[in-house]
């Protein structure tokens, strides 16, 4: 069987721990019965030997498989990873989602996407990455009583994603520690209003509103100070066709949206100005996690 999960970009500026969307950069795992358990890695993380011995997918998969199946079996796990690790593109959420979905599929047990989301909360307490990873598209999500409440919007082919991926990570845990302990009423209202406007812009497809709506006063400035080059990345993107340009999750990736006709030029300019970073152009993903037999 094969399970694929898309990369995600969370926060999108002001929507801290709430807003997210799925990108058509995917991780794939192929699972086969075997005489003994083994792991193979291709793509992102292939050169990291720790991922073979301390693999989060395998441990999460086993948590569920051991509870779901009375018949114990060994497997070969073949990972083909496109999502960069520790770069703010939801690599850990992709692992969690694919592991849970795989365990249920291996046991020939159906699991709807809402239940999958709720189970993933035990491993990822914020819904901004796991929700688009499961559902695809643009999602607005909150958590109440250990359940994810969300609304989803499909994204059109007329828009493209351009991401700038720096050559070093920003730790999510460390970046949370540098955020202010308290915020002023003015900054709080600013983020609530801009998050609301951004959500309205996505659902009404008012793409010209994205630049203004994606402004943030809660987290981006503090996180970007850890890698000052990101201020120049954002400024360059917004001057060269980006409809919006925000820190992806906690970083270090920078995420931009552009019209399809503008995306190629935007990517070229970013590559020329930041040759030390990787620049990818891709579509949005509207399908979320997928299981194939």
Protein backbone atom coordinates (compact mmCIF):
# COMPACT_ATOMS: atom_id res chain seq x y z
CA UNK A 1 0.00 0.00 0.00
CA UNK A 2 1.03 3.61 -0.54
CA UNK A 3 0.16 6.69 1.49
CA UNK A 4 0.90 10.25 0.36
CA UNK A 5 0.54 13.47 2.39
CA UNK A 6 1.08 17.06 1.21
CA UNK A 7 3.32 19.72 2.68
CA UNK A 8 1.55 22.54 4.49
CA UNK A 9 2.11 26.19 5.25
CA UNK A 10 0.62 27.43 8.52
CA UNK A 11 -0.19 30.79 10.14
CA UNK A 12 -0.11 32.66 6.79
CA UNK A 13 0.85 35.80 8.66
CA UNK A 14 -1.81 36.73 11.24
CA UNK A 15 -3.62 33.37 11.54
CA UNK A 16 -1.39 32.06 14.34
CA UNK A 17 -2.02 28.33 15.03
CA UNK A 18 -5.29 28.57 13.06
CA UNK A 19 -4.88 29.10 9.31
CA UNK A 20 -3.14 26.72 6.94
CA UNK A 21 -3.08 25.40 3.39
CA UNK A 22 -1.72 22.41 1.52
CA UNK A 23 1.02 22.47 -1.12
CA UNK A 24 1.62 19.92 -3.84
CA UNK A 25 4.95 18.87 -2.37
CA UNK A 26 4.30 15.38 -1.06
CA UNK A 27 5.81 12.70 1.14
CA UNK A 28 5.12 9.12 0.11
CA UNK A 29 5.49 5.90 2.09
CA UNK A 30 5.16 2.43 0.61
CA UNK A 31 4.52 -0.39 3.07
CA UNK A 32 5.10 -4.06 2.25
CA UNK A 33 4.91 -7.24 4.37
CA UNK A 34 8.40 -8.50 5.23
CA UNK A 35 10.25 -11.13 7.28
CA UNK A 36 11.66 -8.42 9.51
CA UNK A 37 11.09 -4.68 9.98
CA UNK A 38 13.23 -2.38 7.83
CA UNK A 39 13.34 1.24 6.68
CA UNK A 40 14.61 2.82 3.47
CA UNK A 41 14.77 6.55 2.78
CA UNK A 42 14.94 8.52 -0.46
CA UNK A 43 14.83 12.28 -0.91
CA UNK A 44 14.75 14.64 2.06
CA UNK A 45 16.43 13.13 5.12
CA UNK A 46 18.02 10.25 3.20
CA UNK A 47 21.47 11.19 4.50
CA UNK A 48 20.38 11.25 8.13
CA UNK A 49 21.05 7.79 9.65
CA UNK A 50 19.09 8.70 12.81
CA UNK A 51 15.85 8.66 10.81
CA UNK A 52 16.31 4.94 10.20
CA UNK A 53 16.85 4.02 13.84
CA UNK A 54 14.62 6.62 15.53
CA UNK A 55 11.84 7.01 12.99
CA UNK A 56 8.77 8.95 14.16
CA UNK A 57 6.59 7.36 11.48
CA UNK A 58 7.43 3.82 12.60
CA UNK A 59 6.89 4.56 16.30
CA UNK A 60 3.55 6.29 15.62
CA UNK A 61 2.48 3.54 13.23
CA UNK A 62 3.29 0.91 15.86
CA UNK A 63 1.31 2.78 18.53
CA UNK A 64 -1.84 2.29 16.45
CA UNK A 65 -1.04 -1.01 14.75
CA UNK A 66 -0.39 -2.75 18.08
CA UNK A 67 -3.79 -1.62 19.36
CA UNK A 68 -5.74 -2.31 16.17
CA UNK A 69 -4.38 -5.68 15.07
CA UNK A 70 -4.34 -9.02 16.85
CA UNK A 71 -2.09 -10.41 14.10
CA UNK A 72 1.43 -9.13 14.44
CA UNK A 73 3.43 -8.71 11.24
CA UNK A 74 6.71 -7.19 10.13
CA UNK A 75 6.93 -4.55 7.40
CA UNK A 76 9.31 -2.83 5.07
CA UNK A 77 8.75 0.95 5.08
CA UNK A 78 9.96 2.78 1.98
CA UNK A 79 9.94 6.58 2.36
CA UNK A 80 10.17 8.95 -0.59
CA UNK A 81 10.28 12.42 0.94
CA UNK A 82 9.80 15.71 -0.89
CA UNK A 83 9.00 17.85 2.18
CA UNK A 84 12.13 19.51 3.64
CA UNK A 85 12.75 18.72 7.30
CA UNK A 86 12.43 21.40 9.99
CA UNK A 87 11.74 24.19 7.52
CA UNK A 88 8.17 25.16 8.40
CA UNK A 89 6.46 23.07 5.73
CA UNK A 90 4.68 20.59 7.99
CA UNK A 91 7.09 17.65 7.73
CA UNK A 92 6.22 16.38 11.21
CA UNK A 93 2.47 16.70 10.58
CA UNK A 94 2.87 14.73 7.35
CA UNK A 95 4.60 11.94 9.26
CA UNK A 96 1.90 11.79 11.94
CA UNK A 97 -0.98 11.80 9.47
CA UNK A 98 0.55 9.18 7.17
CA UNK A 99 1.46 6.89 10.10
CA UNK A 100 -2.07 6.86 11.56
CA UNK A 101 -3.71 6.47 8.15
CA UNK A 102 -1.31 3.63 7.30
CA UNK A 103 -1.99 1.71 10.50
CA UNK A 104 -5.73 1.76 9.88
CA UNK A 105 -5.31 0.84 6.22
CA UNK A 106 -2.95 -2.07 6.99
CA UNK A 107 -5.56 -3.41 9.40
CA UNK A 108 -8.24 -3.00 6.71
CA UNK A 109 -10.15 -0.59 8.94
CA UNK A 110 -11.85 2.49 7.56
CA UNK A 111 -11.14 5.82 9.21
CA UNK A 112 -12.86 9.02 8.13
CA UNK A 113 -10.82 12.19 7.86
CA UNK A 114 -12.45 13.86 10.85
CA UNK A 115 -11.43 10.97 13.12
CA UNK A 116 -7.95 10.97 11.62
CA UNK A 117 -7.64 14.67 12.45
CA UNK A 118 -8.78 14.17 16.02
CA UNK A 119 -6.35 11.30 16.58
CA UNK A 120 -3.49 13.39 15.22
CA UNK A 121 -4.10 15.96 17.97
CA UNK A 122 -2.45 13.61 20.45
CA UNK A 123 0.82 14.18 18.61
CA UNK A 124 0.33 17.70 17.21
CA UNK A 125 -1.66 19.95 19.52
CA UNK A 126 -2.20 22.78 17.02
CA UNK A 127 -4.57 22.24 14.07
CA UNK A 128 -3.02 24.64 11.55
CA UNK A 129 -0.77 22.04 9.87
CA UNK A 130 -2.59 18.76 10.42
CA UNK A 131 -5.91 20.06 9.05
CA UNK A 132 -4.72 20.97 5.53
CA UNK A 133 -2.50 17.87 5.53
CA UNK A 134 -5.61 15.73 5.96
CA UNK A 135 -8.15 17.79 4.05
CA UNK A 136 -6.16 19.70 1.45
CA UNK A 137 -6.93 23.25 0.34
CA UNK A 138 -7.13 26.29 2.63
CA UNK A 139 -8.41 25.57 6.13
CA UNK A 140 -9.48 27.54 9.18
CA UNK A 141 -9.34 25.33 12.28
CA UNK A 142 -9.85 25.46 16.03
CA UNK A 143 -9.81 22.81 18.76
CA UNK A 144 -12.51 22.15 21.36
CA UNK A 145 -12.83 19.09 23.63
CA UNK A 146 -10.06 17.26 21.76
CA UNK A 147 -11.79 17.69 18.41
CA UNK A 148 -10.86 19.81 15.41
CA UNK A 149 -13.53 22.16 14.07
CA UNK A 150 -12.68 23.47 10.62
CA UNK A 151 -13.94 25.00 7.39
CA UNK A 152 -12.20 24.23 4.11
CA UNK A 153 -11.86 26.01 0.77
CA UNK A 154 -10.41 24.55 -2.44
CA UNK A 155 -7.76 26.67 -4.15
CA UNK A 156 -7.78 27.38 -7.90
CA UNK A 157 -5.22 26.39 -10.53
CA UNK A 158 -4.85 30.07 -11.45
CA UNK A 159 -2.64 30.54 -8.37
CA UNK A 160 0.84 29.12 -7.80
CA UNK A 161 3.04 28.73 -4.76
CA UNK A 162 6.63 29.97 -4.65
CA UNK A 163 8.63 28.95 -1.59
CA UNK A 164 12.11 30.05 -0.58
CA UNK A 165 13.80 27.40 1.55
CA UNK A 166 16.87 28.61 3.48
CA UNK A 167 19.91 26.43 4.04
CA UNK A 168 19.34 26.21 7.78
CA UNK A 169 16.31 25.52 9.99
CA UNK A 170 14.49 27.49 12.66
CA UNK A 171 13.41 25.32 15.58
CA UNK A 172 9.65 25.55 16.26
CA UNK A 173 10.14 25.03 19.99
CA UNK A 174 12.92 27.58 20.21
CA UNK A 175 11.05 30.12 18.10
CA UNK A 176 8.03 29.91 20.40
CA UNK A 177 10.25 30.78 23.36
CA UNK A 178 11.27 34.11 21.83
CA UNK A 179 7.69 35.31 21.36
CA UNK A 180 6.36 37.97 23.78
CA UNK A 181 4.65 36.74 26.91
CA UNK A 182 2.00 39.47 26.58
CA UNK A 183 0.57 41.46 23.66
CA UNK A 184 -1.04 44.90 23.65
CA UNK A 185 -4.73 45.32 22.88
CA UNK A 186 -3.75 47.18 19.71
CA UNK A 187 -1.60 44.32 18.40
CA UNK A 188 -4.20 41.74 19.38
CA UNK A 189 -6.96 43.60 17.56
CA UNK A 190 -4.63 44.06 14.58
CA UNK A 191 -4.09 40.30 14.28
CA UNK A 192 -7.73 39.36 14.86
CA UNK A 193 -8.87 41.84 12.20
CA UNK A 194 -6.23 40.84 9.66
CA UNK A 195 -6.78 37.11 10.21
CA UNK A 196 -10.50 37.67 9.66
CA UNK A 197 -9.84 39.70 6.52
CA UNK A 198 -7.42 37.08 5.20
CA UNK A 199 -9.98 34.32 5.71
CA UNK A 200 -12.64 36.39 3.95
CA UNK A 201 -10.23 37.09 1.08
CA UNK A 202 -9.58 33.37 0.52
CA UNK A 203 -13.23 32.39 0.63
CA UNK A 204 -14.36 35.25 -1.61
CA UNK A 205 -11.33 34.76 -3.91
CA UNK A 206 -10.39 38.42 -3.53
CA UNK A 207 -6.73 37.77 -4.21
CA UNK A 208 -5.77 41.44 -4.39
CA UNK A 209 -6.69 41.74 -0.70
CA UNK A 210 -4.13 39.10 0.38
CA UNK A 211 -1.16 41.47 0.63
CA UNK A 212 -2.83 43.75 3.16
CA UNK A 213 -4.69 40.97 4.98
CA UNK A 214 -1.56 38.86 5.58
CA UNK A 215 0.17 41.45 7.77
CA UNK A 216 1.03 40.25 11.27
CA UNK A 217 2.20 41.69 14.60
CA UNK A 218 2.24 38.53 16.69
CA UNK A 219 5.11 36.28 15.62
CA UNK A 220 6.74 36.90 12.24
CA UNK A 221 9.03 39.81 13.18
CA UNK A 222 10.43 38.01 16.23
CA UNK A 223 11.06 34.79 14.32
CA UNK A 224 12.51 36.47 11.24
CA UNK A 225 15.08 38.27 13.43
CA UNK A 226 16.74 34.87 13.88
CA UNK A 227 17.48 34.92 10.13
CA UNK A 228 17.55 38.58 8.99
CA UNK A 229 17.85 37.64 5.31
CA UNK A 230 14.16 36.73 5.45
CA UNK A 231 13.16 40.41 5.61
CA UNK A 232 14.84 40.89 2.23
CA UNK A 233 13.15 37.75 0.87
CA UNK A 234 9.72 39.09 1.82
CA UNK A 235 10.41 42.57 0.43
CA UNK A 236 11.72 41.16 -2.86
CA UNK A 237 8.75 38.82 -3.26
CA UNK A 238 6.17 41.55 -2.67
CA UNK A 239 7.91 43.84 -5.18
CA UNK A 240 7.98 41.17 -7.88
CA UNK A 241 4.47 39.79 -8.22
CA UNK A 242 3.69 38.04 -4.93
CA UNK A 243 0.08 38.47 -3.85
CA UNK A 244 1.21 37.71 -0.30
CA UNK A 245 4.48 36.61 1.28
CA UNK A 246 4.67 35.21 4.80
CA UNK A 247 6.83 33.08 7.03
CA UNK A 248 5.76 29.46 6.60
CA UNK A 249 4.88 28.13 10.03
CA UNK A 250 7.74 29.07 12.34
CA UNK A 251 10.16 29.17 9.38
CA UNK A 252 12.67 29.16 8.03
CA UNK A 253 10.82 28.75 4.70
CA UNK A 254 9.17 31.81 3.18
CA UNK A 255 5.87 31.19 1.40
CA UNK A 256 4.44 33.32 -1.41
CA UNK A 257 1.34 33.15 -3.61
CA UNK A 258 1.34 34.51 -7.17
CA UNK A 259 -0.86 34.32 -10.22
CA UNK A 260 0.28 31.52 -12.53
CA UNK A 261 1.49 34.05 -15.12
CA UNK A 262 3.66 35.82 -12.54
CA UNK A 263 5.06 32.85 -10.65
CA UNK A 264 7.90 32.02 -13.06
CA UNK A 265 9.30 35.54 -13.01
CA UNK A 266 8.93 35.73 -9.23
CA UNK A 267 10.86 32.47 -8.79
CA UNK A 268 13.60 33.68 -11.17
CA UNK A 269 14.07 36.94 -9.28
CA UNK A 270 14.20 35.14 -5.93
CA UNK A 271 16.78 32.65 -7.25
CA UNK A 272 18.94 35.49 -8.57
CA UNK A 273 18.78 37.46 -5.34
CA UNK A 274 19.14 34.52 -2.93
CA UNK A 275 21.36 31.93 -4.68
CA UNK A 276 22.23 30.33 -1.33
CA UNK A 277 18.58 29.29 -0.83
CA UNK A 278 16.38 26.79 -2.69
CA UNK A 279 13.37 28.16 -4.57
CA UNK A 280 10.45 25.87 -5.52
CA UNK A 281 7.34 26.60 -7.55
CA UNK A 282 4.36 24.28 -7.15
CA UNK A 283 0.58 24.05 -7.21
CA UNK A 284 -1.73 23.93 -4.24
CA UNK A 285 -3.01 20.54 -3.11
CA UNK A 286 -6.77 20.07 -2.70
CA UNK A 287 -6.88 16.33 -1.94
CA UNK A 288 -4.95 16.00 1.34
CA UNK A 289 -3.88 12.56 2.56
CA UNK A 290 -4.42 9.71 0.12
CA UNK A 291 -4.23 5.93 0.60
CA UNK A 292 -3.78 3.55 -2.34
CA UNK A 293 -3.65 -0.24 -2.36
